[in-house]
Amino acid sequence: MPDWTREYFERGYAQRWGLPAPSEDVRLQAGSLWNLLQLGPTSRVIDIGCGHGRHALALARSGVDVVGLDFSVALLNRARHLAAELHTQVRWVRGDMRRLPFRAECSNAAILLDAFGFFDSEAEHEAVLREAGRVLTTGGRLVLKVVNAGPILGAFRATNREERDGVVISISSTLTMDPPRMTQRISVRGPGGQGEYERRQRLYRVEELSVALERAGFAIVGVFASPGGASFDPTVSETIWIVGQRRGADVAPASSQ
């Protein structure tokens, strides 16, 4: 893994975000994901890059079999703690999303939410999508969420400041292009600790994300600004929620209902 990811995701992420239990908003998103993924009571979902398990737990509480995978020991430990608190069963696995430790076609659905684009090369990102396709059954669906590059590139801010629950975060950002990547220096000060971290992210426009998914064997069946089905506008929507279906079956459009 890139060196910066260990420091940021093992320490800085928790200091910045606080690692709360699934909120009402996350529970609502899980309901929308149920529909986008075409889940049923016997479905299995793999949460790739599950972090501290918010969406994995919310989906598991809705009645499906969920496996949560992440590389961060600290985030998985928090996920296990939350699962025990909520009396919710999820199988937690430490692993690398570029080489998923699962057999082929073992799952009906997968999610990859705010966890894509953090490797150093395009080949590694392509490997993540290929692996997601490999573990899905034919016709299985993947919901992928990333920030939308359009608004960031259109109105780039070199500095930013966030404050939540007594935590102050100062962010200094730089851009490189072809392909667009953002490198951030993040300073965190608050009750949960303090530290200086680096964070790097590949920025995607919807067209190139669609192409990457299609190369990995997916058909695009829906693009939204939210899991509830809000219309996507490439110039203003903050996030891209894209639904891909593993090719090999008849493909129906994704429904947000």
C-alpha atoms as a PDB file:
ATOM      1  CA  MET A   1       0.000   0.000   0.000  1.00  0.00           C
ATOM      2  CA  PRO A   2       1.210   3.603  -0.537  1.00  0.00           C
ATOM      3  CA  ASP A   3       3.041   4.810   2.579  1.00  0.00           C
ATOM      4  CA  TRP A   4       0.699   7.745   3.170  1.00  0.00           C
ATOM      5  CA  THR A   5      -2.367   5.495   3.391  1.00  0.00           C
ATOM      6  CA  ARG A   6      -1.106   3.675   6.474  1.00  0.00           C
ATOM      7  CA  GLU A   7      -0.682   6.844   8.508  1.00  0.00           C
ATOM      8  CA  TYR A   8      -3.853   8.516   7.299  1.00  0.00           C
ATOM      9  CA  PHE A   9      -6.256   5.581   7.488  1.00  0.00           C
ATOM     10  CA  GLU A  10      -4.814   4.069  10.676  1.00  0.00           C
ATOM     11  CA  ARG A  11      -4.785   7.372  12.625  1.00  0.00           C
ATOM     12  CA  GLY A  12      -5.806  10.509  10.776  1.00  0.00           C
ATOM     13  CA  TYR A  13      -9.146   9.304   9.427  1.00  0.00           C
ATOM     14  CA  ALA A  14     -10.478   8.577  12.923  1.00  0.00           C
ATOM     15  CA  GLN A  15      -9.223  11.920  14.231  1.00  0.00           C
ATOM     16  CA  ARG A  16     -10.876  13.743  11.351  1.00  0.00           C
ATOM     17  CA  TRP A  17     -14.245  11.953  11.185  1.00  0.00           C
ATOM     18  CA  GLY A  18     -14.781  10.409  14.623  1.00  0.00           C
ATOM     19  CA  LEU A  19     -15.947   6.964  13.373  1.00  0.00           C
ATOM     20  CA  PRO A  20     -19.599   7.157  14.514  1.00  0.00           C
ATOM     21  CA  ALA A  21     -22.213   4.414  14.337  1.00  0.00           C
ATOM     22  CA  PRO A  22     -24.433   4.362  11.230  1.00  0.00           C
ATOM     23  CA  SER A  23     -26.483   7.556  11.141  1.00  0.00           C
ATOM     24  CA  GLU A  24     -30.068   7.913   9.950  1.00  0.00           C
ATOM     25  CA  ASP A  25     -28.694   9.192   6.625  1.00  0.00           C
ATOM     26  CA  VAL A  26     -26.538   6.066   6.227  1.00  0.00           C
ATOM     27  CA  ARG A  27     -29.544   3.865   7.044  1.00  0.00           C
ATOM     28  CA  LEU A  28     -31.557   5.647   4.369  1.00  0.00           C
ATOM     29  CA  GLN A  29     -28.701   5.165   1.905  1.00  0.00           C
ATOM     30  CA  ALA A  30     -28.686   1.449   2.729  1.00  0.00           C
ATOM     31  CA  GLY A  31     -32.365   1.283   1.795  1.00  0.00           C
ATOM     32  CA  SER A  32     -31.603   2.921  -1.541  1.00  0.00           C
ATOM     33  CA  LEU A  33     -28.649   0.592  -2.088  1.00  0.00           C
ATOM     34  CA  TRP A  34     -30.970  -2.374  -1.577  1.00  0.00           C
ATOM     35  CA  ASN A  35     -32.920  -1.237  -4.613  1.00  0.00           C
ATOM     36  CA  LEU A  36     -29.943  -0.209  -6.761  1.00  0.00           C
ATOM     37  CA  LEU A  37     -28.243  -3.562  -6.115  1.00  0.00           C
ATOM     38  CA  GLN A  38     -31.478  -5.529  -6.649  1.00  0.00           C
ATOM     39  CA  LEU A  39     -31.010  -7.353  -3.348  1.00  0.00           C
ATOM     40  CA  GLY A  40     -33.165 -10.095  -1.911  1.00  0.00           C
ATOM     41  CA  PRO A  41     -33.220 -11.904   1.440  1.00  0.00           C
ATOM     42  CA  THR A  42     -30.589 -14.455   0.319  1.00  0.00           C
ATOM     43  CA  SER A  43     -28.212 -11.924  -1.275  1.00  0.00           C
ATOM     44  CA  ARG A  44     -24.579 -11.500  -0.304  1.00  0.00           C
ATOM     45  CA  VAL A  45     -22.926  -8.078  -0.486  1.00  0.00           C
ATOM     46  CA  ILE A  46     -19.200  -7.353  -0.308  1.00  0.00           C
ATOM     47  CA  ASP A  47     -18.377  -3.878   1.010  1.00  0.00           C
ATOM     48  CA  ILE A  48     -14.991  -3.218  -0.605  1.00  0.00           C
ATOM     49  CA  GLY A  49     -13.051  -0.628   1.389  1.00  0.00           C
ATOM     50  CA  CYS A  50     -15.624  -0.777   4.177  1.00  0.00           C
ATOM     51  CA  GLY A  51     -13.753   1.537   6.568  1.00  0.00           C
ATOM     52  CA  HIS A  52     -15.335   1.359  10.012  1.00  0.00           C
ATOM     53  CA  GLY A  53     -18.344  -0.426   8.610  1.00  0.00           C
ATOM     54  CA  ARG A  54     -21.184   2.101   8.486  1.00  0.00           C
ATOM     55  CA  HIS A  55     -22.790   0.886   5.254  1.00  0.00           C
ATOM     56  CA  ALA A  56     -21.916  -2.760   5.888  1.00  0.00           C
ATOM     57  CA  LEU A  57     -23.694  -2.625   9.243  1.00  0.00           C
ATOM     58  CA  ALA A  58     -26.701  -0.770   7.866  1.00  0.00           C
ATOM     59  CA  LEU A  59     -27.093  -3.307   5.052  1.00  0.00           C
ATOM     60  CA  ALA A  60     -26.647  -6.257   7.416  1.00  0.00           C
ATOM     61  CA  ARG A  61     -29.379  -4.878   9.665  1.00  0.00           C
ATOM     62  CA  SER A  62     -31.698  -4.868   6.647  1.00  0.00           C
ATOM     63  CA  GLY A  63     -31.336  -8.641   6.409  1.00  0.00           C
ATOM     64  CA  VAL A  64     -28.646  -9.519   3.849  1.00  0.00           C
ATOM     65  CA  ASP A  65     -25.354 -11.380   4.269  1.00  0.00           C
ATOM     66  CA  VAL A  66     -22.543  -8.804   4.309  1.00  0.00           C
ATOM     67  CA  VAL A  67     -18.757  -9.115   4.135  1.00  0.00           C
ATOM     68  CA  GLY A  68     -16.740  -5.987   4.904  1.00  0.00           C
ATOM     69  CA  LEU A  69     -13.170  -5.738   3.594  1.00  0.00           C
ATOM     70  CA  ASP A  70     -10.565  -3.121   4.432  1.00  0.00           C
ATOM     71  CA  PHE A  71      -6.788  -2.883   4.804  1.00  0.00           C
ATOM     72  CA  SER A  72      -6.818  -0.691   7.930  1.00  0.00           C
ATOM     73  CA  VAL A  73      -6.518  -2.556  11.226  1.00  0.00           C
ATOM     74  CA  ALA A  74      -7.804   0.444  13.198  1.00  0.00           C
ATOM     75  CA  LEU A  75     -10.909   0.861  11.056  1.00  0.00           C
ATOM     76  CA  LEU A  76     -11.740  -2.852  11.131  1.00  0.00           C
ATOM     77  CA  ASN A  77     -11.334  -2.903  14.916  1.00  0.00           C
ATOM     78  CA  ARG A  78     -13.828  -0.051  15.168  1.00  0.00           C
ATOM     79  CA  ALA A  79     -16.183  -1.907  12.808  1.00  0.00           C
ATOM     80  CA  ARG A  80     -16.066  -5.000  15.028  1.00  0.00           C
ATOM     81  CA  HIS A  81     -16.757  -2.875  18.099  1.00  0.00           C
ATOM     82  CA  LEU A  82     -19.785  -1.238  16.446  1.00  0.00           C
ATOM     83  CA  ALA A  83     -21.084  -4.617  15.250  1.00  0.00           C
ATOM     84  CA  ALA A  84     -20.967  -5.932  18.827  1.00  0.00           C
ATOM     85  CA  GLU A  85     -22.726  -2.829  20.134  1.00  0.00           C
ATOM     86  CA  LEU A  86     -25.471  -3.139  17.516  1.00  0.00           C
ATOM     87  CA  HIS A  87     -25.745  -6.956  17.805  1.00  0.00           C
ATOM     88  CA  THR A  88     -25.254  -7.162  14.047  1.00  0.00           C
ATOM     89  CA  GLN A  89     -23.463  -9.958  12.217  1.00  0.00           C
ATOM     90  CA  VAL A  90     -20.932  -8.967   9.547  1.00  0.00           C
ATOM     91  CA  ARG A  91     -17.884 -10.925   8.449  1.00  0.00           C
ATOM     92  CA  TRP A  92     -14.893  -8.556   8.620  1.00  0.00           C
ATOM     93  CA  VAL A  93     -11.858  -9.347   6.451  1.00  0.00           C
ATOM     94  CA  ARG A  94      -8.524  -7.571   6.249  1.00  0.00           C
ATOM     95  CA  GLY A  95      -7.335  -7.544   2.670  1.00  0.00           C
ATOM     96  CA  ASP A  96      -6.188  -5.670  -0.407  1.00  0.00           C
ATOM     97  CA  MET A  97      -8.916  -4.549  -2.818  1.00  0.00           C
ATOM     98  CA  ARG A  98      -6.488  -5.039  -5.731  1.00  0.00           C
ATOM     99  CA  ARG A  99      -6.366  -8.773  -4.904  1.00  0.00           C
ATOM    100  CA  LEU A 100      -9.595  -9.681  -3.130  1.00  0.00           C
ATOM    101  CA  PRO A 101      -9.247 -12.804  -0.941  1.00  0.00           C
ATOM    102  CA  PHE A 102     -12.482 -14.308  -2.239  1.00  0.00           C
ATOM    103  CA  ARG A 103     -13.273 -16.931  -4.833  1.00  0.00           C
ATOM    104  CA  ALA A 104     -14.745 -15.973  -8.197  1.00  0.00           C
ATOM    105  CA  GLU A 105     -18.499 -15.365  -8.436  1.00  0.00           C
ATOM    106  CA  CYS A 106     -19.037 -15.619  -4.679  1.00  0.00           C
ATOM    107  CA  SER A 107     -21.302 -12.591  -4.285  1.00  0.00           C
ATOM    108  CA  ASN A 108     -24.483 -11.150  -5.783  1.00  0.00           C
ATOM    109  CA  ALA A 109     -23.512  -7.521  -5.185  1.00  0.00           C
ATOM    110  CA  ALA A 110     -20.725  -5.207  -4.086  1.00  0.00           C
ATOM    111  CA  ILE A 111     -20.314  -1.618  -2.984  1.00  0.00           C
ATOM    112  CA  LEU A 112     -17.251   0.617  -3.225  1.00  0.00           C
ATOM    113  CA  LEU A 113     -18.114   3.876  -1.487  1.00  0.00           C
ATOM    114  CA  ASP A 114     -15.593   6.708  -1.010  1.00  0.00           C
ATOM    115  CA  ALA A 115     -12.821   4.123  -1.271  1.00  0.00           C
ATOM    116  CA  PHE A 116     -11.753   4.269  -4.933  1.00  0.00           C
ATOM    117  CA  GLY A 117      -8.928   6.253  -6.493  1.00  0.00           C
ATOM    118  CA  PHE A 118      -6.352   6.163  -3.704  1.00  0.00           C
ATOM    119  CA  PHE A 119      -3.589   4.179  -5.420  1.00  0.00           C
ATOM    120  CA  ASP A 120      -0.645   5.637  -7.307  1.00  0.00           C
ATOM    121  CA  SER A 121      -1.243   4.156 -10.756  1.00  0.00           C
ATOM    122  CA  GLU A 122      -4.058   3.704 -13.230  1.00  0.00           C
ATOM    123  CA  ALA A 123      -3.206   0.000 -13.446  1.00  0.00           C
ATOM    124  CA  GLU A 124      -3.952  -0.413  -9.729  1.00  0.00           C
ATOM    125  CA  HIS A 125      -7.331   1.285 -10.057  1.00  0.00           C
ATOM    126  CA  GLU A 126      -8.157  -0.931 -13.016  1.00  0.00           C
ATOM    127  CA  ALA A 127      -7.191  -3.966 -10.927  1.00  0.00           C
ATOM    128  CA  VAL A 128      -9.670  -2.930  -8.223  1.00  0.00           C
ATOM    129  CA  LEU A 129     -12.525  -2.826 -10.730  1.00  0.00           C
ATOM    130  CA  ARG A 130     -11.507  -6.112 -12.351  1.00  0.00           C
ATOM    131  CA  GLU A 131     -11.444  -7.778  -8.938  1.00  0.00           C
ATOM    132  CA  ALA A 132     -14.881  -6.407  -8.127  1.00  0.00           C
ATOM    133  CA  GLY A 133     -16.156  -7.951 -11.347  1.00  0.00           C
ATOM    134  CA  ARG A 134     -14.394 -11.250 -10.685  1.00  0.00           C
ATOM    135  CA  VAL A 135     -16.125 -11.866  -7.356  1.00  0.00           C
ATOM    136  CA  LEU A 136     -19.602 -11.012  -8.690  1.00  0.00           C
ATOM    137  CA  THR A 137     -21.941 -13.504 -10.238  1.00  0.00           C
ATOM    138  CA  THR A 138     -23.047 -12.817 -13.805  1.00  0.00           C
ATOM    139  CA  GLY A 139     -25.591 -10.021 -13.624  1.00  0.00           C
ATOM    140  CA  GLY A 140     -24.389  -8.991 -10.158  1.00  0.00           C
ATOM    141  CA  ARG A 141     -24.282  -5.272  -9.481  1.00  0.00           C
ATOM    142  CA  LEU A 142     -21.635  -2.897  -8.166  1.00  0.00           C
ATOM    143  CA  VAL A 143     -22.463   0.538  -6.750  1.00  0.00           C
ATOM    144  CA  LEU A 144     -19.438   2.832  -6.884  1.00  0.00           C
ATOM    145  CA  LYS A 145     -19.376   6.270  -5.256  1.00  0.00           C
ATOM    146  CA  VAL A 146     -16.631   8.869  -5.782  1.00  0.00           C
ATOM    147  CA  VAL A 147     -16.362  12.624  -5.605  1.00  0.00           C
ATOM    148  CA  ASN A 148     -17.167  14.307  -8.901  1.00  0.00           C
ATOM    149  CA  ALA A 149     -14.084  15.905 -10.444  1.00  0.00           C
ATOM    150  CA  GLY A 150     -16.117  18.493 -12.365  1.00  0.00           C
ATOM    151  CA  PRO A 151     -16.893  20.976  -9.570  1.00  0.00           C
ATOM    152  CA  ILE A 152     -13.483  20.487  -7.930  1.00  0.00           C
ATOM    153  CA  LEU A 153     -11.575  21.249 -11.122  1.00  0.00           C
ATOM    154  CA  GLY A 154     -13.952  24.030 -12.101  1.00  0.00           C
ATOM    155  CA  ALA A 155     -13.547  25.945  -8.829  1.00  0.00           C
ATOM    156  CA  PHE A 156     -10.380  24.599  -7.247  1.00  0.00           C
ATOM    157  CA  ARG A 157      -9.655  25.708  -3.702  1.00  0.00           C
ATOM    158  CA  ALA A 158      -6.033  25.489  -2.553  1.00  0.00           C
ATOM    159  CA  THR A 159      -6.942  25.848   1.121  1.00  0.00           C
ATOM    160  CA  ASN A 160      -9.934  24.870   3.205  1.00  0.00           C
ATOM    161  CA  ARG A 161     -10.931  24.677   6.857  1.00  0.00           C
ATOM    162  CA  GLU A 162     -13.452  22.361   8.506  1.00  0.00           C
ATOM    163  CA  GLU A 163     -14.732  22.319  12.068  1.00  0.00           C
ATOM    164  CA  ARG A 164     -16.909  19.588  13.602  1.00  0.00           C
ATOM    165  CA  ASP A 165     -17.561  18.748  17.245  1.00  0.00           C
ATOM    166  CA  GLY A 166     -14.496  20.619  18.449  1.00  0.00           C
ATOM    167  CA  VAL A 167     -12.209  19.177  15.763  1.00  0.00           C
ATOM    168  CA  VAL A 168     -10.460  21.707  13.525  1.00  0.00           C
ATOM    169  CA  ILE A 169      -9.136  20.482  10.172  1.00  0.00           C
ATOM    170  CA  SER A 170      -6.924  22.637   7.961  1.00  0.00           C
ATOM    171  CA  ILE A 171      -6.389  21.424   4.400  1.00  0.00           C
ATOM    172  CA  SER A 172      -3.842  22.542   1.812  1.00  0.00           C
ATOM    173  CA  SER A 173      -4.423  21.056  -1.662  1.00  0.00           C
ATOM    174  CA  THR A 174      -2.456  20.850  -4.892  1.00  0.00           C
ATOM    175  CA  LEU A 175      -3.501  19.487  -8.293  1.00  0.00           C
ATOM    176  CA  THR A 176      -1.679  17.625 -11.006  1.00  0.00           C
ATOM    177  CA  MET A 177      -3.309  16.796 -14.334  1.00  0.00           C
ATOM    178  CA  ASP A 178      -3.425  14.058 -16.987  1.00  0.00           C
ATOM    179  CA  PRO A 179      -4.956  12.315 -15.142  1.00  0.00           C
ATOM    180  CA  PRO A 180      -6.215  14.715 -12.473  1.00  0.00           C
ATOM    181  CA  ARG A 181      -4.946  13.953  -8.975  1.00  0.00           C
ATOM    182  CA  MET A 182      -5.296  15.943  -5.790  1.00  0.00           C
ATOM    183  CA  THR A 183      -2.718  15.839  -3.004  1.00  0.00           C
ATOM    184  CA  GLN A 184      -3.739  17.245   0.366  1.00  0.00           C
ATOM    185  CA  ARG A 185      -1.811  18.122   3.485  1.00  0.00           C
ATOM    186  CA  ILE A 186      -4.238  17.760   6.371  1.00  0.00           C
ATOM    187  CA  SER A 187      -3.747  19.138   9.868  1.00  0.00           C
ATOM    188  CA  VAL A 188      -6.125  17.826  12.549  1.00  0.00           C
ATOM    189  CA  ARG A 189      -6.530  19.310  16.037  1.00  0.00           C
ATOM    190  CA  GLY A 190      -9.173  18.119  18.483  1.00  0.00           C
ATOM    191  CA  PRO A 191     -10.164  15.965  21.464  1.00  0.00           C
ATOM    192  CA  GLY A 192      -9.328  12.766  19.591  1.00  0.00           C
ATOM    193  CA  GLY A 193      -5.721  13.814  19.012  1.00  0.00           C
ATOM    194  CA  GLN A 194      -3.711  15.870  16.608  1.00  0.00           C
ATOM    195  CA  GLY A 195      -1.555  15.138  13.641  1.00  0.00           C
ATOM    196  CA  GLU A 196      -0.335  16.042  10.176  1.00  0.00           C
ATOM    197  CA  TYR A 197      -1.267  13.763   7.293  1.00  0.00           C
ATOM    198  CA  GLU A 198      -1.074  13.419   3.540  1.00  0.00           C
ATOM    199  CA  ARG A 199      -3.985  12.274   1.394  1.00  0.00           C
ATOM    200  CA  ARG A 200      -3.856  11.605  -2.360  1.00  0.00           C
ATOM    201  CA  GLN A 201      -6.793  10.952  -4.631  1.00  0.00           C
ATOM    202  CA  ARG A 202      -7.353  10.368  -8.321  1.00  0.00           C
ATOM    203  CA  LEU A 203     -10.245  12.573  -9.456  1.00  0.00           C
ATOM    204  CA  TYR A 204     -12.752  11.116 -11.922  1.00  0.00           C
ATOM    205  CA  ARG A 205     -15.217  12.647 -14.320  1.00  0.00           C
ATOM    206  CA  VAL A 206     -18.243  10.493 -14.986  1.00  0.00           C
ATOM    207  CA  GLU A 207     -17.220   9.721 -18.587  1.00  0.00           C
ATOM    208  CA  GLU A 208     -13.839   8.241 -17.662  1.00  0.00           C
ATOM    209  CA  LEU A 209     -15.291   6.367 -14.699  1.00  0.00           C
ATOM    210  CA  SER A 210     -17.860   4.798 -16.997  1.00  0.00           C
ATOM    211  CA  VAL A 211     -15.142   3.774 -19.447  1.00  0.00           C
ATOM    212  CA  ALA A 212     -13.056   2.236 -16.649  1.00  0.00           C
ATOM    213  CA  LEU A 213     -16.021   0.175 -15.457  1.00  0.00           C
ATOM    214  CA  GLU A 214     -16.853  -0.976 -18.974  1.00  0.00           C
ATOM    215  CA  ARG A 215     -13.241  -2.088 -19.510  1.00  0.00           C
ATOM    216  CA  ALA A 216     -13.539  -4.122 -16.309  1.00  0.00           C
ATOM    217  CA  GLY A 217     -16.547  -6.002 -17.677  1.00  0.00           C
ATOM    218  CA  PHE A 218     -19.464  -3.930 -16.410  1.00  0.00           C
ATOM    219  CA  ALA A 219     -22.428  -2.454 -18.237  1.00  0.00           C
ATOM    220  CA  ILE A 220     -23.480   0.935 -16.871  1.00  0.00           C
ATOM    221  CA  VAL A 221     -27.122   0.820 -15.795  1.00  0.00           C
ATOM    222  CA  GLY A 222     -27.433   4.086 -13.848  1.00  0.00           C
ATOM    223  CA  VAL A 223     -25.632   7.282 -12.864  1.00  0.00           C
ATOM    224  CA  PHE A 224     -26.995   9.413 -10.034  1.00  0.00           C
ATOM    225  CA  ALA A 225     -26.044  12.267  -7.719  1.00  0.00           C
ATOM    226  CA  SER A 226     -27.292  10.274  -4.728  1.00  0.00           C
ATOM    227  CA  PRO A 227     -28.315   6.680  -4.020  1.00  0.00           C
ATOM    228  CA  GLY A 228     -31.898   7.881  -3.868  1.00  0.00           C
ATOM    229  CA  GLY A 229     -31.799   8.609  -7.589  1.00  0.00           C
ATOM    230  CA  ALA A 230     -31.202  12.375  -7.743  1.00  0.00           C
ATOM    231  CA  SER A 231     -30.344  13.475 -11.284  1.00  0.00           C
ATOM    232  CA  PHE A 232     -26.629  13.768 -11.946  1.00  0.00           C
ATOM    233  CA  ASP A 233     -25.233  17.026 -13.317  1.00  0.00           C
ATOM    234  CA  PRO A 234     -21.527  16.759 -14.211  1.00  0.00           C
ATOM    235  CA  THR A 235     -20.941  20.458 -13.548  1.00  0.00           C
ATOM    236  CA  VAL A 236     -22.477  20.758 -10.071  1.00  0.00           C
ATOM    237  CA  SER A 237     -23.153  17.350  -8.489  1.00  0.00           C
ATOM    238  CA  GLU A 238     -20.695  16.788  -5.652  1.00  0.00           C
ATOM    239  CA  THR A 239     -20.671  13.001  -5.943  1.00  0.00           C
ATOM    240  CA  ILE A 240     -21.058  10.320  -8.598  1.00  0.00           C
ATOM    241  CA  TRP A 241     -23.086   7.222  -7.702  1.00  0.00           C
ATOM    242  CA  ILE A 242     -22.675   4.838 -10.622  1.00  0.00           C
ATOM    243  CA  VAL A 243     -24.273   1.406 -10.950  1.00  0.00           C
ATOM    244  CA  GLY A 244     -22.522  -1.260 -12.992  1.00  0.00           C
ATOM    245  CA  GLN A 245     -23.792  -4.734 -13.791  1.00  0.00           C
ATOM    246  CA  ARG A 246     -21.429  -7.578 -14.572  1.00  0.00           C
ATOM    247  CA  ARG A 247     -21.935  -8.440 -18.201  1.00  0.00           C
ATOM    248  CA  GLY A 248     -23.300 -11.777 -19.257  1.00  0.00           C
ATOM    249  CA  ALA A 249     -26.968 -11.207 -18.421  1.00  0.00           C
ATOM    250  CA  ASP A 250     -29.734  -9.017 -19.761  1.00  0.00           C
ATOM    251  CA  VAL A 251     -29.237  -5.574 -18.255  1.00  0.00           C
ATOM    252  CA  ALA A 252     -32.151  -3.531 -16.925  1.00  0.00           C
ATOM    253  CA  PRO A 253     -31.841   0.138 -15.918  1.00  0.00           C
ATOM    254  CA  ALA A 254     -31.163   0.801 -12.255  1.00  0.00           C
ATOM    255  CA  SER A 255     -34.187   1.864 -10.242  1.00  0.00           C
ATOM    256  CA  SER A 256     -34.072   4.303  -7.353  1.00  0.00           C
ATOM    257  CA  GLN A 257     -37.586   3.361  -6.196  1.00  0.00           C
END
